[in-house]
Protein backbone atom coordinates (compact mmCIF):
# COMPACT_ATOMS: atom_id res chain seq x y z
CA UNK A 1 -9.43 -38.49 -19.00
CA UNK A 2 -6.32 -36.96 -17.46
CA UNK A 3 -4.60 -34.37 -19.54
CA UNK A 4 -0.82 -34.54 -19.48
CA UNK A 5 1.12 -31.33 -19.28
CA UNK A 6 4.46 -31.16 -21.04
CA UNK A 7 7.39 -31.97 -18.78
CA UNK A 8 8.83 -28.53 -18.21
CA UNK A 9 12.26 -27.97 -16.77
CA UNK A 10 12.93 -25.72 -13.83
CA UNK A 11 13.94 -22.83 -16.09
CA UNK A 12 10.72 -23.03 -18.10
CA UNK A 13 8.65 -23.12 -14.91
CA UNK A 14 10.40 -19.96 -13.67
CA UNK A 15 9.90 -18.24 -17.04
CA UNK A 16 6.21 -19.21 -17.02
CA UNK A 17 5.76 -17.87 -13.47
CA UNK A 18 7.49 -14.59 -14.35
CA UNK A 19 5.28 -14.23 -17.43
CA UNK A 20 2.18 -14.84 -15.30
CA UNK A 21 3.30 -12.17 -12.80
CA UNK A 22 3.99 -9.73 -15.64
CA UNK A 23 0.51 -10.31 -17.06
CA UNK A 24 -1.07 -9.73 -13.62
CA UNK A 25 0.92 -6.51 -13.16
CA UNK A 26 -0.09 -5.34 -16.63
CA UNK A 27 -3.72 -6.08 -15.83
CA UNK A 28 -3.49 -4.11 -12.56
CA UNK A 29 -1.87 -1.19 -14.35
CA UNK A 30 -4.47 -1.35 -17.11
CA UNK A 31 -7.19 -1.14 -14.44
CA UNK A 32 -5.53 1.94 -12.94
CA UNK A 33 -5.32 3.63 -16.34
CA UNK A 34 -8.93 2.82 -17.19
CA UNK A 35 -10.05 4.04 -13.78
CA UNK A 36 -8.32 7.38 -14.37
CA UNK A 37 -9.82 7.67 -17.86
CA UNK A 38 -13.30 6.80 -16.59
CA UNK A 39 -13.01 9.59 -14.00
CA UNK A 40 -11.50 11.99 -16.58
CA UNK A 41 -13.01 11.02 -19.94
CA UNK A 42 -11.49 14.02 -21.78
CA UNK A 43 -7.96 13.29 -20.54
CA UNK A 44 -5.13 12.62 -22.95
CA UNK A 45 -1.38 12.69 -22.46
CA UNK A 46 1.98 11.32 -23.54
CA UNK A 47 3.55 8.23 -22.03
CA UNK A 48 5.69 10.42 -19.76
CA UNK A 49 2.69 12.54 -18.74
CA UNK A 50 0.64 9.46 -17.91
CA UNK A 51 3.40 8.09 -15.69
CA UNK A 52 4.08 11.47 -14.05
CA UNK A 53 0.50 12.62 -13.50
CA UNK A 54 -2.17 9.97 -13.97
CA UNK A 55 -0.51 7.14 -12.11
CA UNK A 56 0.86 9.44 -9.45
CA UNK A 57 -2.69 10.71 -8.80
CA UNK A 58 -4.02 7.16 -8.54
CA UNK A 59 -1.29 6.21 -6.08
CA UNK A 60 -1.78 9.35 -4.01
CA UNK A 61 -5.49 8.58 -3.66
CA UNK A 62 -4.67 5.00 -2.68
CA UNK A 63 -2.10 6.12 -0.10
CA UNK A 64 -4.50 8.71 1.35
CA UNK A 65 -6.99 5.93 1.94
CA UNK A 66 -4.36 3.71 3.60
CA UNK A 67 -3.07 6.53 5.82
CA UNK A 68 -6.63 7.47 6.80
CA UNK A 69 -7.33 3.87 7.85
CA UNK A 70 -4.08 3.70 9.85
CA UNK A 71 -4.80 7.02 11.57
CA UNK A 72 -8.33 5.89 12.43
CA UNK A 73 -6.87 2.78 14.06
CA UNK A 74 -4.17 4.74 15.91
CA UNK A 75 -6.71 7.25 17.25
CA UNK A 76 -9.14 4.52 18.32
CA UNK A 77 -6.24 2.76 20.06
CA UNK A 78 -5.37 5.96 21.90
CA UNK A 79 -1.82 6.03 20.55
CA UNK A 80 -2.45 9.16 18.50
CA UNK A 81 -4.60 12.14 19.42
CA UNK A 82 -6.61 14.09 16.87
CA UNK A 83 -7.64 17.72 17.25
CA UNK A 84 -9.43 20.22 15.04
CA UNK A 85 -7.44 23.29 14.14
CA UNK A 86 -8.79 26.81 13.76
CA UNK A 87 -9.01 26.22 10.03
CA UNK A 88 -11.25 23.16 10.68
CA UNK A 89 -8.58 20.73 9.45
CA UNK A 90 -7.83 17.75 11.67
CA UNK A 91 -4.33 17.48 13.13
CA UNK A 92 -2.76 14.33 14.55
CA UNK A 93 -0.10 14.05 17.25
CA UNK A 94 1.51 11.46 19.45
CA UNK A 95 -0.28 10.64 22.70
CA UNK A 96 2.69 11.16 25.00
CA UNK A 97 0.86 9.47 27.85
CA UNK A 98 1.04 6.18 25.93
CA UNK A 99 4.75 6.31 25.06
CA UNK A 100 5.39 2.89 26.62
CA UNK A 101 2.70 1.24 24.48
CA UNK A 102 3.90 3.15 21.42
CA UNK A 103 7.47 1.94 21.85
CA UNK A 104 6.25 -1.65 22.29
CA UNK A 105 4.19 -1.30 19.10
CA UNK A 106 7.11 0.15 17.13
CA UNK A 107 9.51 -2.58 18.31
CA UNK A 108 7.10 -5.51 18.12
CA UNK A 109 8.77 -7.05 15.04
CA UNK A 110 12.34 -6.19 16.00
CA UNK A 111 14.70 -9.16 16.46
CA UNK A 112 16.24 -7.27 19.39
CA UNK A 113 12.80 -7.21 21.03
CA UNK A 114 12.72 -11.02 21.17
CA UNK A 115 16.12 -11.15 22.85
CA UNK A 116 15.02 -8.54 25.41
CA UNK A 117 11.77 -10.30 26.33
CA UNK A 118 13.43 -13.71 26.65
CA UNK A 119 16.02 -12.66 29.26
């Protein structure tokens, strides 16, 4: 038997969609908070401290992972060169021998690039 949904107007549909997005964002944020607490079970802080420190730490760890993945790709593509420093840290620099490829990569989504290639 088909179940009939109430006939919602455009405004109600938008409000429902925004509410759904808010619930998803709250769920994601709740996961981040629980993840921090699971890693630091003795942690406690104020609202401001949680925003300033806990969430910032979660985002830093996420960004480190993203940057590491991007650098791995850039090195494997030969666009960036990695070298170990005297302190055993790894340093990254532009592969100047690939400047043409690098400029193509940087400008690949530029609207001006399409005009240039179609001349």
